[in-house]
């Protein structure tokens, strides 16, 4: 099954980096969102999204709040989520994992790291 990514980051530059990395590793199907609220609207409007890559630090609705909202909704609760963030402290990682992100990448990252994290998630859940 082809993955359709929802890439969520308030930085246009960071979204471009993630999208270019996805293209480099063979993924061409994605939707962009500028913050958690935008992401939730797009998730509700597009039932074909089956993988979320989100930043943590965003205005309005943070990545962590987005994760909690996605997990609380039975229609989206099982969508894999990869958090990509500058927050690398152990407490932050634990908090994100407790919110039920599937994996965690600290910026900056390479396309290879992104590929490995996506493959780990896909192999551990039924996408």
PDB file of N, CA and C in Angstrom:
ATOM      1  N   UNK A   1       0.849  -1.194   0.000  1.00  0.00           N
ATOM      2  CA  UNK A   1       0.000   0.000   0.000  1.00  0.00           C
ATOM      3  C   UNK A   1       0.886   1.246   0.000  1.00  0.00           C
ATOM      4  N   UNK A   2       0.541   2.178  -0.855  1.00  0.00           N
ATOM      5  CA  UNK A   2       1.322   3.419  -0.923  1.00  0.00           C
ATOM      6  C   UNK A   2       1.008   4.302   0.279  1.00  0.00           C
ATOM      7  N   UNK A   3       2.031   4.951   0.782  1.00  0.00           N
ATOM      8  CA  UNK A   3       1.836   5.853   1.907  1.00  0.00           C
ATOM      9  C   UNK A   3       1.460   7.243   1.409  1.00  0.00           C
ATOM     10  N   UNK A   4       0.512   7.852   2.108  1.00  0.00           N
ATOM     11  CA  UNK A   4       0.186   9.260   1.860  1.00  0.00           C
ATOM     12  C   UNK A   4       0.486  10.003   3.148  1.00  0.00           C
ATOM     13  N   UNK A   5       1.475  10.886   3.068  1.00  0.00           N
ATOM     14  CA  UNK A   5       1.965  11.590   4.238  1.00  0.00           C
ATOM     15  C   UNK A   5       1.266  12.923   4.447  1.00  0.00           C
ATOM     16  N   UNK A   6       1.038  13.244   5.699  1.00  0.00           N
ATOM     17  CA  UNK A   6       0.649  14.592   6.101  1.00  0.00           C
ATOM     18  C   UNK A   6       1.876  15.160   6.804  1.00  0.00           C
ATOM     19  N   UNK A   7       2.480  16.188   6.198  1.00  0.00           N
ATOM     20  CA  UNK A   7       3.694  16.800   6.730  1.00  0.00           C
ATOM     21  C   UNK A   7       3.306  18.110   7.398  1.00  0.00           C
ATOM     22  N   UNK A   8       3.543  18.188   8.719  1.00  0.00           N
ATOM     23  CA  UNK A   8       3.072  19.314   9.522  1.00  0.00           C
ATOM     24  C   UNK A   8       4.256  20.052  10.133  1.00  0.00           C
ATOM     25  N   UNK A   9       4.436  21.316   9.739  1.00  0.00           N
ATOM     26  CA  UNK A   9       5.488  22.146  10.320  1.00  0.00           C
ATOM     27  C   UNK A   9       5.136  23.595  10.019  1.00  0.00           C
ATOM     28  N   UNK A  10       5.329  24.484  11.002  1.00  0.00           N
ATOM     29  CA  UNK A  10       5.015  25.893  10.765  1.00  0.00           C
ATOM     30  C   UNK A  10       6.088  26.566   9.917  1.00  0.00           C
ATOM     31  N   UNK A  11       7.238  25.923   9.733  1.00  0.00           N
ATOM     32  CA  UNK A  11       8.301  26.468   8.902  1.00  0.00           C
ATOM     33  C   UNK A  11       8.183  25.924   7.479  1.00  0.00           C
ATOM     34  N   UNK A  12       7.970  26.833   6.518  1.00  0.00           N
ATOM     35  CA  UNK A  12       7.894  26.426   5.113  1.00  0.00           C
ATOM     36  C   UNK A  12       9.200  25.739   4.717  1.00  0.00           C
ATOM     37  N   UNK A  13      10.323  26.274   5.169  1.00  0.00           N
ATOM     38  CA  UNK A  13      11.631  25.701   4.839  1.00  0.00           C
ATOM     39  C   UNK A  13      11.741  24.273   5.355  1.00  0.00           C
ATOM     40  N   UNK A  14      11.313  24.040   6.581  1.00  0.00           N
ATOM     41  CA  UNK A  14      11.388  22.695   7.143  1.00  0.00           C
ATOM     42  C   UNK A  14      10.458  21.735   6.410  1.00  0.00           C
ATOM     43  N   UNK A  15       9.274  22.207   6.035  1.00  0.00           N
ATOM     44  CA  UNK A  15       8.377  21.344   5.249  1.00  0.00           C
ATOM     45  C   UNK A  15       9.048  20.951   3.938  1.00  0.00           C
ATOM     46  N   UNK A  16       9.719  21.910   3.297  1.00  0.00           N
ATOM     47  CA  UNK A  16      10.427  21.624   2.037  1.00  0.00           C
ATOM     48  C   UNK A  16      11.506  20.562   2.255  1.00  0.00           C
ATOM     49  N   UNK A  17      12.254  20.679   3.356  1.00  0.00           N
ATOM     50  CA  UNK A  17      13.309  19.704   3.656  1.00  0.00           C
ATOM     51  C   UNK A  17      12.701  18.309   3.822  1.00  0.00           C
ATOM     52  N   UNK A  18      11.607  18.224   4.580  1.00  0.00           N
ATOM     53  CA  UNK A  18      10.954  16.925   4.788  1.00  0.00           C
ATOM     54  C   UNK A  18      10.421  16.384   3.460  1.00  0.00           C
ATOM     55  N   UNK A  19       9.741  17.234   2.681  1.00  0.00           N
ATOM     56  CA  UNK A  19       9.174  16.788   1.400  1.00  0.00           C
ATOM     57  C   UNK A  19      10.276  16.342   0.449  1.00  0.00           C
ATOM     58  N   UNK A  20      11.371  17.098   0.375  1.00  0.00           N
ATOM     59  CA  UNK A  20      12.483  16.710  -0.498  1.00  0.00           C
ATOM     60  C   UNK A  20      13.109  15.395  -0.038  1.00  0.00           C
ATOM     61  N   UNK A  21      13.200  15.211   1.272  1.00  0.00           N
ATOM     62  CA  UNK A  21      13.724  13.952   1.809  1.00  0.00           C
ATOM     63  C   UNK A  21      12.795  12.793   1.446  1.00  0.00           C
ATOM     64  N   UNK A  22      11.495  13.013   1.569  1.00  0.00           N
ATOM     65  CA  UNK A  22      10.528  11.974   1.194  1.00  0.00           C
ATOM     66  C   UNK A  22      10.686  11.614  -0.279  1.00  0.00           C
ATOM     67  N   UNK A  23      10.815  12.626  -1.140  1.00  0.00           N
ATOM     68  CA  UNK A  23      10.991  12.370  -2.573  1.00  0.00           C
ATOM     69  C   UNK A  23      12.263  11.567  -2.825  1.00  0.00           C
ATOM     70  N   UNK A  24      13.346  11.929  -2.128  1.00  0.00           N
ATOM     71  CA  UNK A  24      14.619  11.222  -2.312  1.00  0.00           C
ATOM     72  C   UNK A  24      14.524   9.753  -1.951  1.00  0.00           C
ATOM     73  N   UNK A  25      13.651   9.423  -1.006  1.00  0.00           N
ATOM     74  CA  UNK A  25      13.536   8.020  -0.592  1.00  0.00           C
ATOM     75  C   UNK A  25      12.333   7.331  -1.240  1.00  0.00           C
ATOM     76  N   UNK A  26      11.758   7.978  -2.263  1.00  0.00           N
ATOM     77  CA  UNK A  26      10.760   7.313  -3.092  1.00  0.00           C
ATOM     78  C   UNK A  26       9.304   7.548  -2.758  1.00  0.00           C
ATOM     79  N   UNK A  27       9.011   8.537  -1.922  1.00  0.00           N
ATOM     80  CA  UNK A  27       7.610   8.827  -1.576  1.00  0.00           C
ATOM     81  C   UNK A  27       7.178  10.125  -2.253  1.00  0.00           C
ATOM     82  N   UNK A  28       6.093  10.045  -3.015  1.00  0.00           N
ATOM     83  CA  UNK A  28       5.637  11.206  -3.787  1.00  0.00           C
ATOM     84  C   UNK A  28       4.267  11.716  -3.375  1.00  0.00           C
ATOM     85  N   UNK A  29       3.611  11.046  -2.444  1.00  0.00           N
ATOM     86  CA  UNK A  29       2.221  11.365  -2.125  1.00  0.00           C
ATOM     87  C   UNK A  29       2.152  12.020  -0.754  1.00  0.00           C
ATOM     88  N   UNK A  30       1.902  13.339  -0.730  1.00  0.00           N
ATOM     89  CA  UNK A  30       1.851  14.027   0.559  1.00  0.00           C
ATOM     90  C   UNK A  30       0.975  15.264   0.507  1.00  0.00           C
ATOM     91  N   UNK A  31       0.568  15.679   1.700  1.00  0.00           N
ATOM     92  CA  UNK A  31      -0.225  16.881   1.926  1.00  0.00           C
ATOM     93  C   UNK A  31       0.544  17.680   2.976  1.00  0.00           C
ATOM     94  N   UNK A  32       0.524  19.010   2.853  1.00  0.00           N
ATOM     95  CA  UNK A  32       1.217  19.858   3.817  1.00  0.00           C
ATOM     96  C   UNK A  32       0.218  20.552   4.736  1.00  0.00           C
ATOM     97  N   UNK A  33       0.661  20.786   5.976  1.00  0.00           N
ATOM     98  CA  UNK A  33      -0.133  21.582   6.919  1.00  0.00           C
ATOM     99  C   UNK A  33       0.823  22.494   7.683  1.00  0.00           C
ATOM    100  N   UNK A  34       0.345  23.716   7.981  1.00  0.00           N
ATOM    101  CA  UNK A  34       1.212  24.722   8.585  1.00  0.00           C
ATOM    102  C   UNK A  34       1.195  24.717  10.113  1.00  0.00           C
ATOM    103  N   UNK A  35       0.255  23.976  10.709  1.00  0.00           N
ATOM    104  CA  UNK A  35       0.220  23.826  12.173  1.00  0.00           C
ATOM    105  C   UNK A  35      -0.762  22.707  12.508  1.00  0.00           C
ATOM    106  N   UNK A  36      -0.895  22.429  13.799  1.00  0.00           N
ATOM    107  CA  UNK A  36      -1.751  21.333  14.221  1.00  0.00           C
ATOM    108  C   UNK A  36      -3.213  21.491  13.830  1.00  0.00           C
ATOM    109  N   UNK A  37      -3.720  22.719  13.911  1.00  0.00           N
ATOM    110  CA  UNK A  37      -5.130  22.947  13.544  1.00  0.00           C
ATOM    111  C   UNK A  37      -5.345  22.671  12.057  1.00  0.00           C
ATOM    112  N   UNK A  38      -4.443  23.194  11.227  1.00  0.00           N
ATOM    113  CA  UNK A  38      -4.487  22.952   9.785  1.00  0.00           C
ATOM    114  C   UNK A  38      -4.410  21.446   9.516  1.00  0.00           C
ATOM    115  N   UNK A  39      -3.539  20.763  10.251  1.00  0.00           N
ATOM    116  CA  UNK A  39      -3.372  19.319  10.070  1.00  0.00           C
ATOM    117  C   UNK A  39      -4.659  18.565  10.396  1.00  0.00           C
ATOM    118  N   UNK A  40      -5.305  18.927  11.499  1.00  0.00           N
ATOM    119  CA  UNK A  40      -6.553  18.249  11.883  1.00  0.00           C
ATOM    120  C   UNK A  40      -7.635  18.475  10.830  1.00  0.00           C
ATOM    121  N   UNK A  41      -7.715  19.691  10.287  1.00  0.00           N
ATOM    122  CA  UNK A  41      -8.686  19.978   9.224  1.00  0.00           C
ATOM    123  C   UNK A  41      -8.408  19.112   8.000  1.00  0.00           C
ATOM    124  N   UNK A  42      -7.139  18.991   7.634  1.00  0.00           N
ATOM    125  CA  UNK A  42      -6.786  18.199   6.443  1.00  0.00           C
ATOM    126  C   UNK A  42      -7.015  16.710   6.684  1.00  0.00           C
ATOM    127  N   UNK A  43      -6.744  16.256   7.899  1.00  0.00           N
ATOM    128  CA  UNK A  43      -7.012  14.845   8.229  1.00  0.00           C
ATOM    129  C   UNK A  43      -8.498  14.535   8.116  1.00  0.00           C
ATOM    130  N   UNK A  44      -9.324  15.437   8.606  1.00  0.00           N
ATOM    131  CA  UNK A  44     -10.773  15.232   8.541  1.00  0.00           C
ATOM    132  C   UNK A  44     -11.284  15.263   7.110  1.00  0.00           C
ATOM    133  N   UNK A  45     -10.617  16.045   6.249  1.00  0.00           N
ATOM    134  CA  UNK A  45     -11.070  16.206   4.868  1.00  0.00           C
ATOM    135  C   UNK A  45     -10.538  15.119   3.933  1.00  0.00           C
ATOM    136  N   UNK A  46      -9.460  14.440   4.325  1.00  0.00           N
ATOM    137  CA  UNK A  46      -8.795  13.484   3.428  1.00  0.00           C
ATOM    138  C   UNK A  46      -8.564  12.162   4.151  1.00  0.00           C
ATOM    139  N   UNK A  47      -9.436  11.207   3.878  1.00  0.00           N
ATOM    140  CA  UNK A  47      -9.345   9.926   4.573  1.00  0.00           C
ATOM    141  C   UNK A  47      -8.268   9.016   4.005  1.00  0.00           C
ATOM    142  N   UNK A  48      -7.550   9.476   2.968  1.00  0.00           N
ATOM    143  CA  UNK A  48      -6.495   8.631   2.398  1.00  0.00           C
ATOM    144  C   UNK A  48      -5.136   8.873   3.064  1.00  0.00           C
ATOM    145  N   UNK A  49      -5.040   9.873   3.943  1.00  0.00           N
ATOM    146  CA  UNK A  49      -3.783  10.118   4.663  1.00  0.00           C
ATOM    147  C   UNK A  49      -3.560   8.953   5.616  1.00  0.00           C
ATOM    148  N   UNK A  50      -2.372   8.338   5.525  1.00  0.00           N
ATOM    149  CA  UNK A  50      -2.117   7.180   6.390  1.00  0.00           C
ATOM    150  C   UNK A  50      -0.755   7.225   7.083  1.00  0.00           C
ATOM    151  N   UNK A  51      -0.148   8.422   7.144  1.00  0.00           N
ATOM    152  CA  UNK A  51       1.117   8.590   7.871  1.00  0.00           C
ATOM    153  C   UNK A  51       1.289  10.077   8.158  1.00  0.00           C
ATOM    154  N   UNK A  52       1.639  10.414   9.402  1.00  0.00           N
ATOM    155  CA  UNK A  52       1.821  11.822   9.782  1.00  0.00           C
ATOM    156  C   UNK A  52       3.272  12.040  10.199  1.00  0.00           C
ATOM    157  N   UNK A  53       3.868  13.090   9.652  1.00  0.00           N
ATOM    158  CA  UNK A  53       5.186  13.548  10.106  1.00  0.00           C
ATOM    159  C   UNK A  53       4.962  14.959  10.635  1.00  0.00           C
ATOM    160  N   UNK A  54       5.215  15.168  11.917  1.00  0.00           N
ATOM    161  CA  UNK A  54       4.902  16.468  12.511  1.00  0.00           C
ATOM    162  C   UNK A  54       6.041  17.033  13.344  1.00  0.00           C
ATOM    163  N   UNK A  55       6.135  18.351  13.298  1.00  0.00           N
ATOM    164  CA  UNK A  55       7.009  19.099  14.195  1.00  0.00           C
ATOM    165  C   UNK A  55       6.318  19.147  15.555  1.00  0.00           C
ATOM    166  N   UNK A  56       7.063  19.503  16.576  1.00  0.00           N
ATOM    167  CA  UNK A  56       6.485  19.667  17.912  1.00  0.00           C
ATOM    168  C   UNK A  56       6.133  21.131  18.147  1.00  0.00           C
ATOM    169  N   UNK A  57       7.113  22.001  17.990  1.00  0.00           N
ATOM    170  CA  UNK A  57       6.948  23.422  18.332  1.00  0.00           C
ATOM    171  C   UNK A  57       6.241  24.184  17.224  1.00  0.00           C
ATOM    172  N   UNK A  58       4.957  24.420  17.418  1.00  0.00           N
ATOM    173  CA  UNK A  58       4.167  25.196  16.457  1.00  0.00           C
ATOM    174  C   UNK A  58       3.182  26.063  17.226  1.00  0.00           C
ATOM    175  N   UNK A  59       2.859  27.234  16.666  1.00  0.00           N
ATOM    176  CA  UNK A  59       1.866  28.085  17.327  1.00  0.00           C
ATOM    177  C   UNK A  59       0.468  27.471  17.221  1.00  0.00           C
ATOM    178  N   UNK A  60      -0.432  27.946  18.036  1.00  0.00           N
ATOM    179  CA  UNK A  60      -1.837  27.541  17.991  1.00  0.00           C
ATOM    180  C   UNK A  60      -2.010  26.123  18.518  1.00  0.00           C
ATOM    181  N   UNK A  61      -1.845  25.120  17.670  1.00  0.00           N
ATOM    182  CA  UNK A  61      -1.953  23.722  18.090  1.00  0.00           C
ATOM    183  C   UNK A  61      -0.589  23.076  17.868  1.00  0.00           C
ATOM    184  N   UNK A  62       0.067  22.693  18.960  1.00  0.00           N
ATOM    185  CA  UNK A  62       1.419  22.122  18.865  1.00  0.00           C
ATOM    186  C   UNK A  62       1.366  20.704  18.292  1.00  0.00           C
ATOM    187  N   UNK A  63       2.534  20.205  17.933  1.00  0.00           N
ATOM    188  CA  UNK A  63       2.619  18.828  17.453  1.00  0.00           C
ATOM    189  C   UNK A  63       2.167  17.836  18.502  1.00  0.00           C
ATOM    190  N   UNK A  64       2.503  18.099  19.765  1.00  0.00           N
ATOM    191  CA  UNK A  64       2.089  17.193  20.838  1.00  0.00           C
ATOM    192  C   UNK A  64       0.562  17.189  20.980  1.00  0.00           C
ATOM    193  N   UNK A  65      -0.048  18.369  20.902  1.00  0.00           N
ATOM    194  CA  UNK A  65      -1.519  18.445  20.959  1.00  0.00           C
ATOM    195  C   UNK A  65      -2.145  17.760  19.740  1.00  0.00           C
ATOM    196  N   UNK A  66      -1.500  17.899  18.586  1.00  0.00           N
ATOM    197  CA  UNK A  66      -1.973  17.216  17.382  1.00  0.00           C
ATOM    198  C   UNK A  66      -1.960  15.706  17.600  1.00  0.00           C
ATOM    199  N   UNK A  67      -0.863  15.182  18.132  1.00  0.00           N
ATOM    200  CA  UNK A  67      -0.751  13.741  18.392  1.00  0.00           C
ATOM    201  C   UNK A  67      -1.870  13.286  19.316  1.00  0.00           C
ATOM    202  N   UNK A  68      -2.098  14.037  20.380  1.00  0.00           N
ATOM    203  CA  UNK A  68      -3.148  13.664  21.346  1.00  0.00           C
ATOM    204  C   UNK A  68      -4.530  13.675  20.686  1.00  0.00           C
ATOM    205  N   UNK A  69      -4.786  14.662  19.830  1.00  0.00           N
ATOM    206  CA  UNK A  69      -6.082  14.736  19.135  1.00  0.00           C
ATOM    207  C   UNK A  69      -6.256  13.573  18.162  1.00  0.00           C
ATOM    208  N   UNK A  70      -5.199  13.256  17.423  1.00  0.00           N
ATOM    209  CA  UNK A  70      -5.252  12.146  16.465  1.00  0.00           C
ATOM    210  C   UNK A  70      -5.513  10.834  17.208  1.00  0.00           C
ATOM    211  N   UNK A  71      -4.824  10.622  18.314  1.00  0.00           N
ATOM    212  CA  UNK A  71      -4.973   9.377  19.077  1.00  0.00           C
ATOM    213  C   UNK A  71      -6.344   9.280  19.750  1.00  0.00           C
ATOM    214  N   UNK A  72      -6.952  10.420  20.072  1.00  0.00           N
ATOM    215  CA  UNK A  72      -8.251  10.421  20.753  1.00  0.00           C
ATOM    216  C   UNK A  72      -9.416  10.148  19.802  1.00  0.00           C
ATOM    217  N   UNK A  73      -9.185  10.290  18.495  1.00  0.00           N
ATOM    218  CA  UNK A  73     -10.248  10.116  17.505  1.00  0.00           C
ATOM    219  C   UNK A  73     -10.198   8.691  16.952  1.00  0.00           C
ATOM    220  N   UNK A  74     -11.255   7.903  17.125  1.00  0.00           N
ATOM    221  CA  UNK A  74     -11.229   6.514  16.644  1.00  0.00           C
ATOM    222  C   UNK A  74     -10.930   6.388  15.143  1.00  0.00           C
ATOM    223  N   UNK A  75     -11.318   7.386  14.344  1.00  0.00           N
ATOM    224  CA  UNK A  75     -11.074   7.317  12.897  1.00  0.00           C
ATOM    225  C   UNK A  75      -9.601   7.492  12.541  1.00  0.00           C
ATOM    226  N   UNK A  76      -8.841   8.185  13.415  1.00  0.00           N
ATOM    227  CA  UNK A  76      -7.439   8.466  13.097  1.00  0.00           C
ATOM    228  C   UNK A  76      -6.460   7.845  14.097  1.00  0.00           C
ATOM    229  N   UNK A  77      -6.981   7.191  15.112  1.00  0.00           N
ATOM    230  CA  UNK A  77      -6.146   6.730  16.234  1.00  0.00           C
ATOM    231  C   UNK A  77      -4.988   5.827  15.831  1.00  0.00           C
ATOM    232  N   UNK A  78      -5.135   5.099  14.728  1.00  0.00           N
ATOM    233  CA  UNK A  78      -4.100   4.133  14.343  1.00  0.00           C
ATOM    234  C   UNK A  78      -3.142   4.649  13.275  1.00  0.00           C
ATOM    235  N   UNK A  79      -3.268   5.904  12.878  1.00  0.00           N
ATOM    236  CA  UNK A  79      -2.347   6.456  11.872  1.00  0.00           C
ATOM    237  C   UNK A  79      -0.967   6.591  12.504  1.00  0.00           C
ATOM    238  N   UNK A  80       0.061   6.048  11.861  1.00  0.00           N
ATOM    239  CA  UNK A  80       1.416   6.191  12.401  1.00  0.00           C
ATOM    240  C   UNK A  80       1.854   7.659  12.414  1.00  0.00           C
ATOM    241  N   UNK A  81       2.576   8.026  13.469  1.00  0.00           N
ATOM    242  CA  UNK A  81       3.053   9.405  13.613  1.00  0.00           C
ATOM    243  C   UNK A  81       4.546   9.397  13.912  1.00  0.00           C
ATOM    244  N   UNK A  82       5.280  10.153  13.093  1.00  0.00           N
ATOM    245  CA  UNK A  82       6.703  10.372  13.309  1.00  0.00           C
ATOM    246  C   UNK A  82       6.881  11.832  13.697  1.00  0.00           C
ATOM    247  N   UNK A  83       7.449  12.074  14.872  1.00  0.00           N
ATOM    248  CA  UNK A  83       7.692  13.448  15.300  1.00  0.00           C
ATOM    249  C   UNK A  83       9.116  13.841  14.916  1.00  0.00           C
ATOM    250  N   UNK A  84       9.232  14.973  14.219  1.00  0.00           N
ATOM    251  CA  UNK A  84      10.529  15.500  13.793  1.00  0.00           C
ATOM    252  C   UNK A  84      10.681  16.853  14.471  1.00  0.00           C
ATOM    253  N   UNK A  85      11.665  16.977  15.365  1.00  0.00           N
ATOM    254  CA  UNK A  85      11.732  18.171  16.189  1.00  0.00           C
ATOM    255  C   UNK A  85      13.152  18.489  16.625  1.00  0.00           C
ATOM    256  N   UNK A  86      13.355  19.701  17.080  1.00  0.00           N
ATOM    257  CA  UNK A  86      14.642  20.088  17.656  1.00  0.00           C
ATOM    258  C   UNK A  86      14.735  19.669  19.115  1.00  0.00           C
ATOM    259  N   UNK A  87      13.623  19.238  19.681  1.00  0.00           N
ATOM    260  CA  UNK A  87      13.591  18.899  21.110  1.00  0.00           C
ATOM    261  C   UNK A  87      14.180  17.510  21.326  1.00  0.00           C
ATOM    262  N   UNK A  88      15.429  17.457  21.767  1.00  0.00           N
ATOM    263  CA  UNK A  88      16.109  16.188  21.914  1.00  0.00           C
ATOM    264  C   UNK A  88      16.334  15.742  23.348  1.00  0.00           C
ATOM    265  N   UNK A  89      15.796  16.482  24.312  1.00  0.00           N
ATOM    266  CA  UNK A  89      15.968  16.115  25.715  1.00  0.00           C
ATOM    267  C   UNK A  89      15.205  14.813  26.000  1.00  0.00           C
ATOM    268  N   UNK A  90      15.760  13.993  26.865  1.00  0.00           N
ATOM    269  CA  UNK A  90      15.145  12.705  27.195  1.00  0.00           C
ATOM    270  C   UNK A  90      13.699  12.889  27.672  1.00  0.00           C
ATOM    271  N   UNK A  91      13.459  13.915  28.477  1.00  0.00           N
ATOM    272  CA  UNK A  91      12.094  14.140  29.000  1.00  0.00           C
ATOM    273  C   UNK A  91      11.120  14.431  27.849  1.00  0.00           C
ATOM    274  N   UNK A  92      11.592  15.190  26.848  1.00  0.00           N
ATOM    275  CA  UNK A  92      10.732  15.496  25.694  1.00  0.00           C
ATOM    276  C   UNK A  92      10.384  14.225  24.926  1.00  0.00           C
ATOM    277  N   UNK A  93      11.400  13.396  24.710  1.00  0.00           N
ATOM    278  CA  UNK A  93      11.182  12.154  23.965  1.00  0.00           C
ATOM    279  C   UNK A  93      10.195  11.261  24.718  1.00  0.00           C
ATOM    280  N   UNK A  94      10.371  11.153  26.032  1.00  0.00           N
ATOM    281  CA  UNK A  94       9.460  10.351  26.854  1.00  0.00           C
ATOM    282  C   UNK A  94       8.034  10.905  26.769  1.00  0.00           C
ATOM    283  N   UNK A  95       7.910  12.236  26.838  1.00  0.00           N
ATOM    284  CA  UNK A  95       6.577  12.854  26.756  1.00  0.00           C
ATOM    285  C   UNK A  95       5.914  12.549  25.414  1.00  0.00           C
ATOM    286  N   UNK A  96       6.690  12.641  24.329  1.00  0.00           N
ATOM    287  CA  UNK A  96       6.147  12.349  22.995  1.00  0.00           C
ATOM    288  C   UNK A  96       5.749  10.877  22.896  1.00  0.00           C
ATOM    289  N   UNK A  97       6.586   9.988  23.400  1.00  0.00           N
ATOM    290  CA  UNK A  97       6.257   8.559  23.352  1.00  0.00           C
ATOM    291  C   UNK A  97       5.031   8.251  24.207  1.00  0.00           C
ATOM    292  N   UNK A  98       4.901   8.923  25.335  1.00  0.00           N
ATOM    293  CA  UNK A  98       3.710   8.738  26.171  1.00  0.00           C
ATOM    294  C   UNK A  98       2.450   9.212  25.467  1.00  0.00           C
ATOM    295  N   UNK A  99       2.594  10.210  24.590  1.00  0.00           N
ATOM    296  CA  UNK A  99       1.444  10.692  23.801  1.00  0.00           C
ATOM    297  C   UNK A  99       1.153   9.751  22.635  1.00  0.00           C
ATOM    298  N   UNK A 100       2.011   8.754  22.475  1.00  0.00           N
ATOM    299  CA  UNK A 100       1.837   7.685  21.487  1.00  0.00           C
ATOM    300  C   UNK A 100       2.325   8.037  20.077  1.00  0.00           C
ATOM    301  N   UNK A 101       3.413   8.817  19.979  1.00  0.00           N
ATOM    302  CA  UNK A 101       4.060   8.912  18.664  1.00  0.00           C
ATOM    303  C   UNK A 101       4.704   7.550  18.411  1.00  0.00           C
ATOM    304  N   UNK A 102       4.822   7.168  17.140  1.00  0.00           N
ATOM    305  CA  UNK A 102       5.427   5.875  16.821  1.00  0.00           C
ATOM    306  C   UNK A 102       6.950   5.930  16.820  1.00  0.00           C
ATOM    307  N   UNK A 103       7.489   7.101  16.499  1.00  0.00           N
ATOM    308  CA  UNK A 103       8.932   7.256  16.518  1.00  0.00           C
ATOM    309  C   UNK A 103       9.255   8.744  16.564  1.00  0.00           C
ATOM    310  N   UNK A 104      10.553   9.043  16.673  1.00  0.00           N
ATOM    311  CA  UNK A 104      10.994  10.393  17.002  1.00  0.00           C
ATOM    312  C   UNK A 104      12.313  10.655  16.283  1.00  0.00           C
ATOM    313  N   UNK A 105      12.423  11.791  15.590  1.00  0.00           N
ATOM    314  CA  UNK A 105      13.666  12.178  14.922  1.00  0.00           C
ATOM    315  C   UNK A 105      14.034  13.577  15.395  1.00  0.00           C
ATOM    316  N   UNK A 106      15.288  13.750  15.784  1.00  0.00           N
ATOM    317  CA  UNK A 106      15.753  15.068  16.190  1.00  0.00           C
ATOM    318  C   UNK A 106      16.398  15.752  14.992  1.00  0.00           C
ATOM    319  N   UNK A 107      15.995  17.010  14.744  1.00  0.00           N
ATOM    320  CA  UNK A 107      16.575  17.805  13.654  1.00  0.00           C
ATOM    321  C   UNK A 107      17.991  18.217  14.041  1.00  0.00           C
ATOM    322  N   UNK A 108      18.896  18.378  13.102  1.00  0.00           N
ATOM    323  CA  UNK A 108      18.742  18.054  11.678  1.00  0.00           C
ATOM    324  C   UNK A 108      18.855  16.546  11.459  1.00  0.00           C
ATOM    325  N   UNK A 109      18.343  16.077  10.329  1.00  0.00           N
ATOM    326  CA  UNK A 109      18.355  14.654  10.007  1.00  0.00           C
ATOM    327  C   UNK A 109      18.678  14.498   8.526  1.00  0.00           C
ATOM    328  N   UNK A 110      19.020  13.283   8.134  1.00  0.00           N
ATOM    329  CA  UNK A 110      19.300  13.000   6.728  1.00  0.00           C
ATOM    330  C   UNK A 110      18.124  12.224   6.134  1.00  0.00           C
ATOM    331  N   UNK A 111      17.998  12.212   4.800  1.00  0.00           N
ATOM    332  CA  UNK A 111      16.954  11.393   4.184  1.00  0.00           C
ATOM    333  C   UNK A 111      17.061   9.926   4.611  1.00  0.00           C
ATOM    334  N   UNK A 112      18.287   9.441   4.801  1.00  0.00           N
ATOM    335  CA  UNK A 112      18.482   8.044   5.218  1.00  0.00           C
ATOM    336  C   UNK A 112      17.877   7.785   6.597  1.00  0.00           C
ATOM    337  N   UNK A 113      18.062   8.724   7.522  1.00  0.00           N
ATOM    338  CA  UNK A 113      17.473   8.573   8.858  1.00  0.00           C
ATOM    339  C   UNK A 113      15.945   8.569   8.750  1.00  0.00           C
ATOM    340  N   UNK A 114      15.412   9.462   7.926  1.00  0.00           N
ATOM    341  CA  UNK A 114      13.960   9.511   7.735  1.00  0.00           C
ATOM    342  C   UNK A 114      13.466   8.180   7.173  1.00  0.00           C
ATOM    343  N   UNK A 115      14.167   7.648   6.169  1.00  0.00           N
ATOM    344  CA  UNK A 115      13.792   6.366   5.575  1.00  0.00           C
ATOM    345  C   UNK A 115      13.780   5.266   6.637  1.00  0.00           C
ATOM    346  N   UNK A 116      14.838   5.210   7.451  1.00  0.00           N
ATOM    347  CA  UNK A 116      14.937   4.172   8.476  1.00  0.00           C
ATOM    348  C   UNK A 116      13.785   4.267   9.479  1.00  0.00           C
ATOM    349  N   UNK A 117      13.464   5.474   9.919  1.00  0.00           N
ATOM    350  CA  UNK A 117      12.381   5.652  10.896  1.00  0.00           C
ATOM    351  C   UNK A 117      11.043   5.255  10.288  1.00  0.00           C
ATOM    352  N   UNK A 118      10.791   5.667   9.036  1.00  0.00           N
ATOM    353  CA  UNK A 118       9.535   5.319   8.365  1.00  0.00           C
ATOM    354  C   UNK A 118       9.437   3.803   8.211  1.00  0.00           C
ATOM    355  N   UNK A 119      10.535   3.175   7.780  1.00  0.00           N
ATOM    356  CA  UNK A 119      10.521   1.716   7.598  1.00  0.00           C
ATOM    357  C   UNK A 119      10.304   0.991   8.925  1.00  0.00           C
ATOM    358  N   UNK A 120      10.913   1.496  10.013  1.00  0.00           N
ATOM    359  CA  UNK A 120      10.705   0.889  11.335  1.00  0.00           C
ATOM    360  C   UNK A 120       9.232   0.950  11.707  1.00  0.00           C
ATOM    361  N   UNK A 121       8.624   2.112  11.488  1.00  0.00           N
ATOM    362  CA  UNK A 121       7.212   2.295  11.855  1.00  0.00           C
ATOM    363  C   UNK A 121       6.324   1.386  10.995  1.00  0.00           C
ATOM    364  N   UNK A 122       6.555   1.413   9.679  1.00  0.00           N
ATOM    365  CA  UNK A 122       5.720   0.623   8.758  1.00  0.00           C
ATOM    366  C   UNK A 122       5.807  -0.868   9.070  1.00  0.00           C
ATOM    367  N   UNK A 123       7.011  -1.322   9.442  1.00  0.00           N
ATOM    368  CA  UNK A 123       7.169  -2.757   9.731  1.00  0.00           C
ATOM    369  C   UNK A 123       6.531  -3.149  11.070  1.00  0.00           C
ATOM    370  N   UNK A 124       6.311  -2.151  11.949  1.00  0.00           N
ATOM    371  CA  UNK A 124       5.765  -2.488  13.263  1.00  0.00           C
ATOM    372  C   UNK A 124       4.255  -2.267  13.365  1.00  0.00           C
ATOM    373  N   UNK A 125       3.676  -1.582  12.404  1.00  0.00           N
ATOM    374  CA  UNK A 125       2.215  -1.363  12.408  1.00  0.00           C
ATOM    375  C   UNK A 125       1.656  -1.741  11.028  1.00  0.00           C
ATOM    376  N   UNK A 126       0.380  -1.951  10.975  1.00  0.00           N
ATOM    377  CA  UNK A 126      -0.251  -2.253   9.690  1.00  0.00           C
ATOM    378  C   UNK A 126      -0.713  -0.967   9.045  1.00  0.00           C
ATOM    379  N   UNK A 127       0.095  -0.465   8.108  1.00  0.00           N
ATOM    380  CA  UNK A 127      -0.274   0.777   7.405  1.00  0.00           C
ATOM    381  C   UNK A 127      -1.006   0.399   6.140  1.00  0.00           C
TER     382      UNK A 127
END
